[in-house]
């Protein structure tokens, strides 16, 4: 059963440091496609959901933290499609706005602790959950894997359908935050080297984003830039102030874990002269705004 994706609005991204460098930018607003299944989540989940529906699976089970955008989107999508959902959470029971939403949307929660969650990539991790939830469709952390990357490839199609609205006939490169690397891999797959794809690493290098992208899409056509500010989920007052300035200047909301870090890394590279005057960039707003409730 095909899952239809809403069209993400494309608009110009106007910021003083871009104008000073004579770099044109547009922002693909994945954050606006849906109030609950927001950002890149519809794209990453699309094929997983279709596989579950085709298999007549009774439910969906996946992993994430207590502010997880992925689990939040999964719970909402499952509720709409009539599929039960279960979340395997990092750490110990804690009430956050995200967790409260998961419970309100009917997701069954299992807290794995930190040690238990670290075993998510080990052989046999899913075996007891297959037994606990027989016939349910298991989705990798963040909606990853080949199905997630293939779903994200259609982000490129959404851009091409709207380029003319900017008066652009072409563009030079993509810029987006990279967490698991799945969305980045999807763009690399779709572009096949036609346009460069830049990933701002919102997580440390040892998280294996480069290895994930290489496994899903090969090693060519993209470049990674450090943007983690010391670790996954780490941010500081300087980043929050930068986000506030950009929001006021561009009229677009950002969050600190992914899009804000990606924007700050882009500013650094633009000011360092990575992009020549006249370059046209497409910034992907990957969503995640619901997670701001955890720190604002």
C-alpha atoms as a PDB file:
ATOM      1  CA  UNK A   1       0.000   0.000   0.000  1.00  0.00           C
ATOM      2  CA  UNK A   2       1.652   3.285  -1.055  1.00  0.00           C
ATOM      3  CA  UNK A   3       2.087   6.015   1.558  1.00  0.00           C
ATOM      4  CA  UNK A   4       1.669   9.442  -0.007  1.00  0.00           C
ATOM      5  CA  UNK A   5       4.065  12.197   1.056  1.00  0.00           C
ATOM      6  CA  UNK A   6       3.031  15.843   1.454  1.00  0.00           C
ATOM      7  CA  UNK A   7       4.967  18.465  -0.516  1.00  0.00           C
ATOM      8  CA  UNK A   8       7.523  20.386   1.526  1.00  0.00           C
ATOM      9  CA  UNK A   9       7.522  24.139   0.784  1.00  0.00           C
ATOM     10  CA  UNK A  10      10.657  25.611  -0.793  1.00  0.00           C
ATOM     11  CA  UNK A  11      11.579  29.201   0.003  1.00  0.00           C
ATOM     12  CA  UNK A  12      14.557  31.516  -0.078  1.00  0.00           C
ATOM     13  CA  UNK A  13      16.838  31.550   2.957  1.00  0.00           C
ATOM     14  CA  UNK A  14      17.985  35.114   3.550  1.00  0.00           C
ATOM     15  CA  UNK A  15      20.718  35.718   6.132  1.00  0.00           C
ATOM     16  CA  UNK A  16      23.302  38.517   6.325  1.00  0.00           C
ATOM     17  CA  UNK A  17      26.376  36.247   6.204  1.00  0.00           C
ATOM     18  CA  UNK A  18      25.049  34.504   3.094  1.00  0.00           C
ATOM     19  CA  UNK A  19      24.410  37.839   1.385  1.00  0.00           C
ATOM     20  CA  UNK A  20      27.873  39.108   2.311  1.00  0.00           C
ATOM     21  CA  UNK A  21      29.465  36.063   0.668  1.00  0.00           C
ATOM     22  CA  UNK A  22      27.127  36.399  -2.341  1.00  0.00           C
ATOM     23  CA  UNK A  23      25.868  32.865  -1.769  1.00  0.00           C
ATOM     24  CA  UNK A  24      22.245  32.226  -2.668  1.00  0.00           C
ATOM     25  CA  UNK A  25      20.353  29.753  -0.519  1.00  0.00           C
ATOM     26  CA  UNK A  26      16.961  28.139  -0.431  1.00  0.00           C
ATOM     27  CA  UNK A  27      15.477  26.106   2.387  1.00  0.00           C
ATOM     28  CA  UNK A  28      13.329  23.025   1.842  1.00  0.00           C
ATOM     29  CA  UNK A  29      10.895  23.170   4.751  1.00  0.00           C
ATOM     30  CA  UNK A  30      10.373  19.526   5.666  1.00  0.00           C
ATOM     31  CA  UNK A  31       9.319  20.850   9.062  1.00  0.00           C
ATOM     32  CA  UNK A  32       6.069  22.094   7.496  1.00  0.00           C
ATOM     33  CA  UNK A  33       4.857  18.917   5.828  1.00  0.00           C
ATOM     34  CA  UNK A  34       2.960  17.653   8.879  1.00  0.00           C
ATOM     35  CA  UNK A  35       2.379  18.819  12.475  1.00  0.00           C
ATOM     36  CA  UNK A  36       3.271  15.408  13.953  1.00  0.00           C
ATOM     37  CA  UNK A  37       5.118  13.326  11.328  1.00  0.00           C
ATOM     38  CA  UNK A  38       7.435  16.236  10.714  1.00  0.00           C
ATOM     39  CA  UNK A  39      10.689  16.845   8.913  1.00  0.00           C
ATOM     40  CA  UNK A  40      12.518  13.961   7.288  1.00  0.00           C
ATOM     41  CA  UNK A  41      10.516  11.384   9.248  1.00  0.00           C
ATOM     42  CA  UNK A  42       7.799  10.748   6.641  1.00  0.00           C
ATOM     43  CA  UNK A  43      10.545  10.107   4.096  1.00  0.00           C
ATOM     44  CA  UNK A  44      12.539   7.777   6.336  1.00  0.00           C
ATOM     45  CA  UNK A  45       9.448   5.887   7.450  1.00  0.00           C
ATOM     46  CA  UNK A  46       7.647   5.685   4.117  1.00  0.00           C
ATOM     47  CA  UNK A  47       8.952   2.336   2.875  1.00  0.00           C
ATOM     48  CA  UNK A  48       8.994   0.851   6.375  1.00  0.00           C
ATOM     49  CA  UNK A  49       5.299   1.692   6.726  1.00  0.00           C
ATOM     50  CA  UNK A  50       4.488   0.314   3.285  1.00  0.00           C
ATOM     51  CA  UNK A  51       6.286  -2.937   4.118  1.00  0.00           C
ATOM     52  CA  UNK A  52       4.352  -3.243   7.377  1.00  0.00           C
ATOM     53  CA  UNK A  53       1.019  -2.597   5.675  1.00  0.00           C
ATOM     54  CA  UNK A  54       1.764  -5.027   2.843  1.00  0.00           C
ATOM     55  CA  UNK A  55       2.722  -7.712   5.357  1.00  0.00           C
ATOM     56  CA  UNK A  56      -0.416  -6.971   7.408  1.00  0.00           C
ATOM     57  CA  UNK A  57       1.793  -6.516  10.454  1.00  0.00           C
ATOM     58  CA  UNK A  58      -0.207  -5.736  13.608  1.00  0.00           C
ATOM     59  CA  UNK A  59       2.283  -3.146  14.781  1.00  0.00           C
ATOM     60  CA  UNK A  60       5.589  -1.306  14.565  1.00  0.00           C
ATOM     61  CA  UNK A  61       8.491  -1.336  17.003  1.00  0.00           C
ATOM     62  CA  UNK A  62      11.574   0.883  17.011  1.00  0.00           C
ATOM     63  CA  UNK A  63      14.116   2.641  19.232  1.00  0.00           C
ATOM     64  CA  UNK A  64      14.946   6.131  20.453  1.00  0.00           C
ATOM     65  CA  UNK A  65      15.540   8.469  23.362  1.00  0.00           C
ATOM     66  CA  UNK A  66      13.127  10.367  25.561  1.00  0.00           C
ATOM     67  CA  UNK A  67      13.104  13.350  23.151  1.00  0.00           C
ATOM     68  CA  UNK A  68      13.103  11.191  20.009  1.00  0.00           C
ATOM     69  CA  UNK A  69      11.673  12.848  16.907  1.00  0.00           C
ATOM     70  CA  UNK A  70      11.658   9.426  15.272  1.00  0.00           C
ATOM     71  CA  UNK A  71       9.513   7.729  17.921  1.00  0.00           C
ATOM     72  CA  UNK A  72       7.228  10.747  18.034  1.00  0.00           C
ATOM     73  CA  UNK A  73       6.627  10.521  14.285  1.00  0.00           C
ATOM     74  CA  UNK A  74       6.302   6.731  14.405  1.00  0.00           C
ATOM     75  CA  UNK A  75       3.623   6.870  17.110  1.00  0.00           C
ATOM     76  CA  UNK A  76       1.651   9.437  15.107  1.00  0.00           C
ATOM     77  CA  UNK A  77       1.986   7.545  11.814  1.00  0.00           C
ATOM     78  CA  UNK A  78       1.028   4.254  13.435  1.00  0.00           C
ATOM     79  CA  UNK A  79      -2.066   5.798  14.994  1.00  0.00           C
ATOM     80  CA  UNK A  80      -3.183   7.222  11.641  1.00  0.00           C
ATOM     81  CA  UNK A  81      -2.620   3.968   9.780  1.00  0.00           C
ATOM     82  CA  UNK A  82      -4.227   1.756  12.411  1.00  0.00           C
ATOM     83  CA  UNK A  83      -0.971   0.106  13.468  1.00  0.00           C
ATOM     84  CA  UNK A  84      -0.020  -0.427  17.102  1.00  0.00           C
ATOM     85  CA  UNK A  85       3.394   0.936  18.109  1.00  0.00           C
ATOM     86  CA  UNK A  86       6.044   0.095  20.665  1.00  0.00           C
ATOM     87  CA  UNK A  87       9.142   2.094  21.578  1.00  0.00           C
ATOM     88  CA  UNK A  88      12.378   0.758  23.051  1.00  0.00           C
ATOM     89  CA  UNK A  89      13.821   3.726  24.924  1.00  0.00           C
ATOM     90  CA  UNK A  90      17.334   4.624  25.971  1.00  0.00           C
ATOM     91  CA  UNK A  91      17.832   5.118  29.696  1.00  0.00           C
ATOM     92  CA  UNK A  92      15.395   4.876  32.576  1.00  0.00           C
ATOM     93  CA  UNK A  93      11.775   5.999  32.919  1.00  0.00           C
ATOM     94  CA  UNK A  94      11.460   9.759  32.673  1.00  0.00           C
ATOM     95  CA  UNK A  95       8.575  12.026  31.814  1.00  0.00           C
ATOM     96  CA  UNK A  96       9.318  14.495  29.040  1.00  0.00           C
ATOM     97  CA  UNK A  97       6.909  16.269  26.679  1.00  0.00           C
ATOM     98  CA  UNK A  98       7.857  13.734  24.001  1.00  0.00           C
ATOM     99  CA  UNK A  99       7.275  10.752  26.280  1.00  0.00           C
ATOM    100  CA  UNK A 100       3.904  12.163  27.307  1.00  0.00           C
ATOM    101  CA  UNK A 101       2.952  12.448  23.634  1.00  0.00           C
ATOM    102  CA  UNK A 102       4.070   8.875  22.946  1.00  0.00           C
ATOM    103  CA  UNK A 103       1.867   7.620  25.756  1.00  0.00           C
ATOM    104  CA  UNK A 104      -1.069   9.766  24.616  1.00  0.00           C
ATOM    105  CA  UNK A 105      -0.750   8.324  21.087  1.00  0.00           C
ATOM    106  CA  UNK A 106      -0.869   4.790  22.475  1.00  0.00           C
ATOM    107  CA  UNK A 107       2.751   3.716  22.069  1.00  0.00           C
ATOM    108  CA  UNK A 108       3.837   0.946  24.436  1.00  0.00           C
ATOM    109  CA  UNK A 109       7.130   1.966  26.077  1.00  0.00           C
ATOM    110  CA  UNK A 110       9.992  -0.255  27.212  1.00  0.00           C
ATOM    111  CA  UNK A 111      12.936   1.397  28.992  1.00  0.00           C
ATOM    112  CA  UNK A 112      16.172  -0.474  28.239  1.00  0.00           C
ATOM    113  CA  UNK A 113      18.557   1.423  30.505  1.00  0.00           C
ATOM    114  CA  UNK A 114      21.792   2.700  28.997  1.00  0.00           C
ATOM    115  CA  UNK A 115      23.653  -0.589  28.851  1.00  0.00           C
ATOM    116  CA  UNK A 116      20.693  -2.376  27.288  1.00  0.00           C
ATOM    117  CA  UNK A 117      20.317   0.319  24.663  1.00  0.00           C
ATOM    118  CA  UNK A 118      23.996   0.123  23.740  1.00  0.00           C
ATOM    119  CA  UNK A 119      23.375  -3.445  22.636  1.00  0.00           C
ATOM    120  CA  UNK A 120      20.955  -2.385  19.896  1.00  0.00           C
ATOM    121  CA  UNK A 121      23.446  -3.180  17.125  1.00  0.00           C
ATOM    122  CA  UNK A 122      24.516  -6.535  18.484  1.00  0.00           C
ATOM    123  CA  UNK A 123      23.510  -9.826  16.906  1.00  0.00           C
ATOM    124  CA  UNK A 124      20.403 -11.202  18.540  1.00  0.00           C
ATOM    125  CA  UNK A 125      19.182  -7.880  19.924  1.00  0.00           C
ATOM    126  CA  UNK A 126      15.833  -8.155  18.151  1.00  0.00           C
ATOM    127  CA  UNK A 127      15.204 -11.838  18.952  1.00  0.00           C
ATOM    128  CA  UNK A 128      13.312 -11.324  22.240  1.00  0.00           C
ATOM    129  CA  UNK A 129      11.293  -8.482  20.721  1.00  0.00           C
ATOM    130  CA  UNK A 130      10.213 -10.672  17.808  1.00  0.00           C
ATOM    131  CA  UNK A 131       8.939 -13.092  20.448  1.00  0.00           C
ATOM    132  CA  UNK A 132       7.294 -10.352  22.509  1.00  0.00           C
ATOM    133  CA  UNK A 133       5.654  -8.781  19.454  1.00  0.00           C
ATOM    134  CA  UNK A 134       5.136 -11.613  16.960  1.00  0.00           C
ATOM    135  CA  UNK A 135       4.623 -10.434  13.402  1.00  0.00           C
ATOM    136  CA  UNK A 136       5.377  -6.786  14.193  1.00  0.00           C
ATOM    137  CA  UNK A 137       7.560  -4.797  11.808  1.00  0.00           C
ATOM    138  CA  UNK A 138      10.867  -3.809  13.416  1.00  0.00           C
ATOM    139  CA  UNK A 139      12.370  -0.501  12.284  1.00  0.00           C
ATOM    140  CA  UNK A 140      16.032   0.427  12.853  1.00  0.00           C
ATOM    141  CA  UNK A 141      16.924   3.354  15.069  1.00  0.00           C
ATOM    142  CA  UNK A 142      15.936   6.618  13.392  1.00  0.00           C
ATOM    143  CA  UNK A 143      14.140   4.833  10.559  1.00  0.00           C
ATOM    144  CA  UNK A 144      17.458   3.866   9.037  1.00  0.00           C
ATOM    145  CA  UNK A 145      18.582   1.146   6.678  1.00  0.00           C
ATOM    146  CA  UNK A 146      18.115   0.873   2.935  1.00  0.00           C
ATOM    147  CA  UNK A 147      14.368   1.444   3.191  1.00  0.00           C
ATOM    148  CA  UNK A 148      14.931   4.710   5.038  1.00  0.00           C
ATOM    149  CA  UNK A 149      17.542   5.925   2.536  1.00  0.00           C
ATOM    150  CA  UNK A 150      15.362   5.060  -0.440  1.00  0.00           C
ATOM    151  CA  UNK A 151      12.513   7.023   1.094  1.00  0.00           C
ATOM    152  CA  UNK A 152      14.764  10.049   1.580  1.00  0.00           C
ATOM    153  CA  UNK A 153      15.812   9.941  -2.069  1.00  0.00           C
ATOM    154  CA  UNK A 154      12.424  11.445  -2.958  1.00  0.00           C
ATOM    155  CA  UNK A 155      13.453  14.673  -1.178  1.00  0.00           C
ATOM    156  CA  UNK A 156      15.388  15.480  -4.351  1.00  0.00           C
ATOM    157  CA  UNK A 157      12.226  15.032  -6.417  1.00  0.00           C
ATOM    158  CA  UNK A 158      10.422  17.505  -4.161  1.00  0.00           C
ATOM    159  CA  UNK A 159      13.123  20.098  -4.769  1.00  0.00           C
ATOM    160  CA  UNK A 160      13.084  19.665  -8.551  1.00  0.00           C
ATOM    161  CA  UNK A 161       9.316  20.112  -8.626  1.00  0.00           C
ATOM    162  CA  UNK A 162       9.664  23.599  -7.098  1.00  0.00           C
ATOM    163  CA  UNK A 163      12.966  25.031  -8.365  1.00  0.00           C
ATOM    164  CA  UNK A 164      11.228  27.247 -10.900  1.00  0.00           C
ATOM    165  CA  UNK A 165       9.365  29.046  -8.101  1.00  0.00           C
ATOM    166  CA  UNK A 166      12.715  30.568  -7.089  1.00  0.00           C
ATOM    167  CA  UNK A 167      13.641  31.474 -10.615  1.00  0.00           C
ATOM    168  CA  UNK A 168      16.421  28.856 -10.470  1.00  0.00           C
ATOM    169  CA  UNK A 169      17.118  26.470 -13.332  1.00  0.00           C
ATOM    170  CA  UNK A 170      19.716  24.575 -11.306  1.00  0.00           C
ATOM    171  CA  UNK A 171      21.576  24.520  -7.995  1.00  0.00           C
ATOM    172  CA  UNK A 172      25.098  23.643  -6.874  1.00  0.00           C
ATOM    173  CA  UNK A 173      24.878  21.700  -3.642  1.00  0.00           C
ATOM    174  CA  UNK A 174      22.851  20.453  -0.696  1.00  0.00           C
ATOM    175  CA  UNK A 175      23.494  21.193   2.990  1.00  0.00           C
ATOM    176  CA  UNK A 176      21.827  19.269   5.806  1.00  0.00           C
ATOM    177  CA  UNK A 177      22.358  17.954   9.308  1.00  0.00           C
ATOM    178  CA  UNK A 178      23.519  14.340   9.607  1.00  0.00           C
ATOM    179  CA  UNK A 179      22.541  12.224  12.612  1.00  0.00           C
ATOM    180  CA  UNK A 180      22.338   8.606  11.507  1.00  0.00           C
ATOM    181  CA  UNK A 181      23.328   9.440   7.923  1.00  0.00           C
ATOM    182  CA  UNK A 182      20.153   7.978   6.424  1.00  0.00           C
ATOM    183  CA  UNK A 183      18.793  11.206   4.924  1.00  0.00           C
ATOM    184  CA  UNK A 184      22.231  12.126   3.625  1.00  0.00           C
ATOM    185  CA  UNK A 185      22.539   8.703   1.995  1.00  0.00           C
ATOM    186  CA  UNK A 186      19.149   9.155   0.330  1.00  0.00           C
ATOM    187  CA  UNK A 187      20.232  12.431  -1.261  1.00  0.00           C
ATOM    188  CA  UNK A 188      23.512  10.896  -2.414  1.00  0.00           C
ATOM    189  CA  UNK A 189      21.614   7.997  -3.980  1.00  0.00           C
ATOM    190  CA  UNK A 190      19.201  10.289  -5.793  1.00  0.00           C
ATOM    191  CA  UNK A 191      21.856  12.717  -6.994  1.00  0.00           C
ATOM    192  CA  UNK A 192      24.261  10.050  -8.289  1.00  0.00           C
ATOM    193  CA  UNK A 193      26.997  12.677  -8.365  1.00  0.00           C
ATOM    194  CA  UNK A 194      24.967  15.350 -10.212  1.00  0.00           C
ATOM    195  CA  UNK A 195      25.191  17.763  -7.281  1.00  0.00           C
ATOM    196  CA  UNK A 196      27.383  17.773  -4.178  1.00  0.00           C
ATOM    197  CA  UNK A 197      25.814  16.836  -0.846  1.00  0.00           C
ATOM    198  CA  UNK A 198      27.272  18.341   2.341  1.00  0.00           C
ATOM    199  CA  UNK A 199      26.434  16.759   5.675  1.00  0.00           C
ATOM    200  CA  UNK A 200      26.945  18.693   8.909  1.00  0.00           C
ATOM    201  CA  UNK A 201      27.764  16.040  11.501  1.00  0.00           C
ATOM    202  CA  UNK A 202      25.483  16.723  14.456  1.00  0.00           C
ATOM    203  CA  UNK A 203      26.998  13.686  16.212  1.00  0.00           C
ATOM    204  CA  UNK A 204      30.633  12.743  16.908  1.00  0.00           C
ATOM    205  CA  UNK A 205      32.592  10.960  14.176  1.00  0.00           C
ATOM    206  CA  UNK A 206      32.706   7.707  16.152  1.00  0.00           C
ATOM    207  CA  UNK A 207      28.930   7.362  15.672  1.00  0.00           C
ATOM    208  CA  UNK A 208      29.772   5.908  12.257  1.00  0.00           C
ATOM    209  CA  UNK A 209      27.852   8.238   9.946  1.00  0.00           C
ATOM    210  CA  UNK A 210      30.487   7.959   7.209  1.00  0.00           C
ATOM    211  CA  UNK A 211      30.348   4.169   7.407  1.00  0.00           C
ATOM    212  CA  UNK A 212      26.539   4.206   7.252  1.00  0.00           C
ATOM    213  CA  UNK A 213      26.452   6.465   4.198  1.00  0.00           C
ATOM    214  CA  UNK A 214      29.131   4.399   2.469  1.00  0.00           C
ATOM    215  CA  UNK A 215      27.165   1.199   3.096  1.00  0.00           C
ATOM    216  CA  UNK A 216      23.896   2.686   1.831  1.00  0.00           C
ATOM    217  CA  UNK A 217      25.068   4.936  -1.003  1.00  0.00           C
ATOM    218  CA  UNK A 218      28.792   4.486  -1.651  1.00  0.00           C
ATOM    219  CA  UNK A 219      31.682   6.797  -0.883  1.00  0.00           C
ATOM    220  CA  UNK A 220      31.374   9.417  -3.623  1.00  0.00           C
ATOM    221  CA  UNK A 221      29.314  12.576  -4.031  1.00  0.00           C
ATOM    222  CA  UNK A 222      29.259  13.875  -0.477  1.00  0.00           C
ATOM    223  CA  UNK A 223      31.377  15.585   2.146  1.00  0.00           C
ATOM    224  CA  UNK A 224      31.040  15.621   5.923  1.00  0.00           C
ATOM    225  CA  UNK A 225      31.702  18.622   8.173  1.00  0.00           C
ATOM    226  CA  UNK A 226      32.129  18.584  11.958  1.00  0.00           C
ATOM    227  CA  UNK A 227      29.200  20.217  13.746  1.00  0.00           C
ATOM    228  CA  UNK A 228      28.563  18.210  16.935  1.00  0.00           C
ATOM    229  CA  UNK A 229      29.830  20.828  19.434  1.00  0.00           C
ATOM    230  CA  UNK A 230      31.357  18.059  21.504  1.00  0.00           C
ATOM    231  CA  UNK A 231      28.759  15.315  21.357  1.00  0.00           C
ATOM    232  CA  UNK A 232      25.278  14.121  20.483  1.00  0.00           C
ATOM    233  CA  UNK A 233      22.655  16.348  22.070  1.00  0.00           C
ATOM    234  CA  UNK A 234      25.286  18.879  23.176  1.00  0.00           C
ATOM    235  CA  UNK A 235      24.657  22.575  22.675  1.00  0.00           C
ATOM    236  CA  UNK A 236      25.566  25.817  24.408  1.00  0.00           C
ATOM    237  CA  UNK A 237      24.310  29.350  24.931  1.00  0.00           C
ATOM    238  CA  UNK A 238      26.276  30.573  21.922  1.00  0.00           C
ATOM    239  CA  UNK A 239      24.438  28.179  19.627  1.00  0.00           C
ATOM    240  CA  UNK A 240      21.061  29.113  21.123  1.00  0.00           C
ATOM    241  CA  UNK A 241      21.824  32.816  20.609  1.00  0.00           C
ATOM    242  CA  UNK A 242      22.875  32.133  17.017  1.00  0.00           C
ATOM    243  CA  UNK A 243      19.626  30.237  16.389  1.00  0.00           C
ATOM    244  CA  UNK A 244      17.589  33.084  17.859  1.00  0.00           C
ATOM    245  CA  UNK A 245      19.304  35.573  15.553  1.00  0.00           C
ATOM    246  CA  UNK A 246      18.758  33.392  12.485  1.00  0.00           C
ATOM    247  CA  UNK A 247      15.118  32.850  13.358  1.00  0.00           C
ATOM    248  CA  UNK A 248      14.564  36.582  13.582  1.00  0.00           C
ATOM    249  CA  UNK A 249      16.453  37.292  10.364  1.00  0.00           C
ATOM    250  CA  UNK A 250      15.052  34.453   8.245  1.00  0.00           C
ATOM    251  CA  UNK A 251      11.626  33.979   9.819  1.00  0.00           C
ATOM    252  CA  UNK A 252      12.245  30.231  10.147  1.00  0.00           C
ATOM    253  CA  UNK A 253      12.303  28.209  13.406  1.00  0.00           C
ATOM    254  CA  UNK A 254      15.294  25.935  14.080  1.00  0.00           C
ATOM    255  CA  UNK A 255      16.251  23.552  16.876  1.00  0.00           C
ATOM    256  CA  UNK A 256      19.603  23.040  18.576  1.00  0.00           C
ATOM    257  CA  UNK A 257      20.366  19.349  18.029  1.00  0.00           C
ATOM    258  CA  UNK A 258      20.331  19.197  14.229  1.00  0.00           C
ATOM    259  CA  UNK A 259      19.226  22.171  12.118  1.00  0.00           C
ATOM    260  CA  UNK A 260      20.826  24.784  14.353  1.00  0.00           C
ATOM    261  CA  UNK A 261      24.154  22.966  14.344  1.00  0.00           C
ATOM    262  CA  UNK A 262      23.942  22.519  10.580  1.00  0.00           C
ATOM    263  CA  UNK A 263      23.287  26.228  10.081  1.00  0.00           C
ATOM    264  CA  UNK A 264      26.188  27.228  12.345  1.00  0.00           C
ATOM    265  CA  UNK A 265      28.528  24.888  10.471  1.00  0.00           C
ATOM    266  CA  UNK A 266      27.313  26.338   7.175  1.00  0.00           C
ATOM    267  CA  UNK A 267      28.091  29.863   8.379  1.00  0.00           C
ATOM    268  CA  UNK A 268      31.635  28.800   9.278  1.00  0.00           C
ATOM    269  CA  UNK A 269      32.211  27.226   5.870  1.00  0.00           C
ATOM    270  CA  UNK A 270      30.685  30.152   3.976  1.00  0.00           C
ATOM    271  CA  UNK A 271      32.881  32.615   5.854  1.00  0.00           C
ATOM    272  CA  UNK A 272      35.919  30.392   5.219  1.00  0.00           C
ATOM    273  CA  UNK A 273      35.285  30.671   1.486  1.00  0.00           C
ATOM    274  CA  UNK A 274      34.217  27.105   0.759  1.00  0.00           C
ATOM    275  CA  UNK A 275      31.567  28.355  -1.664  1.00  0.00           C
ATOM    276  CA  UNK A 276      32.322  30.782  -4.473  1.00  0.00           C
ATOM    277  CA  UNK A 277      30.176  33.885  -5.011  1.00  0.00           C
ATOM    278  CA  UNK A 278      27.093  32.965  -7.002  1.00  0.00           C
ATOM    279  CA  UNK A 279      26.829  29.474  -5.509  1.00  0.00           C
ATOM    280  CA  UNK A 280      23.272  28.227  -5.058  1.00  0.00           C
ATOM    281  CA  UNK A 281      22.748  26.046  -1.987  1.00  0.00           C
ATOM    282  CA  UNK A 282      19.742  24.083  -0.810  1.00  0.00           C
ATOM    283  CA  UNK A 283      19.467  23.761   2.983  1.00  0.00           C
ATOM    284  CA  UNK A 284      17.239  20.913   4.160  1.00  0.00           C
ATOM    285  CA  UNK A 285      15.186  21.716   7.255  1.00  0.00           C
ATOM    286  CA  UNK A 286      14.965  18.216   8.718  1.00  0.00           C
ATOM    287  CA  UNK A 287      12.359  19.153  11.334  1.00  0.00           C
ATOM    288  CA  UNK A 288      12.782  18.097  14.938  1.00  0.00           C
ATOM    289  CA  UNK A 289      11.028  21.131  16.359  1.00  0.00           C
ATOM    290  CA  UNK A 290       8.971  19.102  18.831  1.00  0.00           C
ATOM    291  CA  UNK A 291      12.223  18.240  20.586  1.00  0.00           C
ATOM    292  CA  UNK A 292      12.783  21.891  21.495  1.00  0.00           C
ATOM    293  CA  UNK A 293      10.328  21.400  24.355  1.00  0.00           C
ATOM    294  CA  UNK A 294      13.098  19.535  26.173  1.00  0.00           C
ATOM    295  CA  UNK A 295      15.280  22.618  26.581  1.00  0.00           C
ATOM    296  CA  UNK A 296      13.228  25.748  25.898  1.00  0.00           C
END
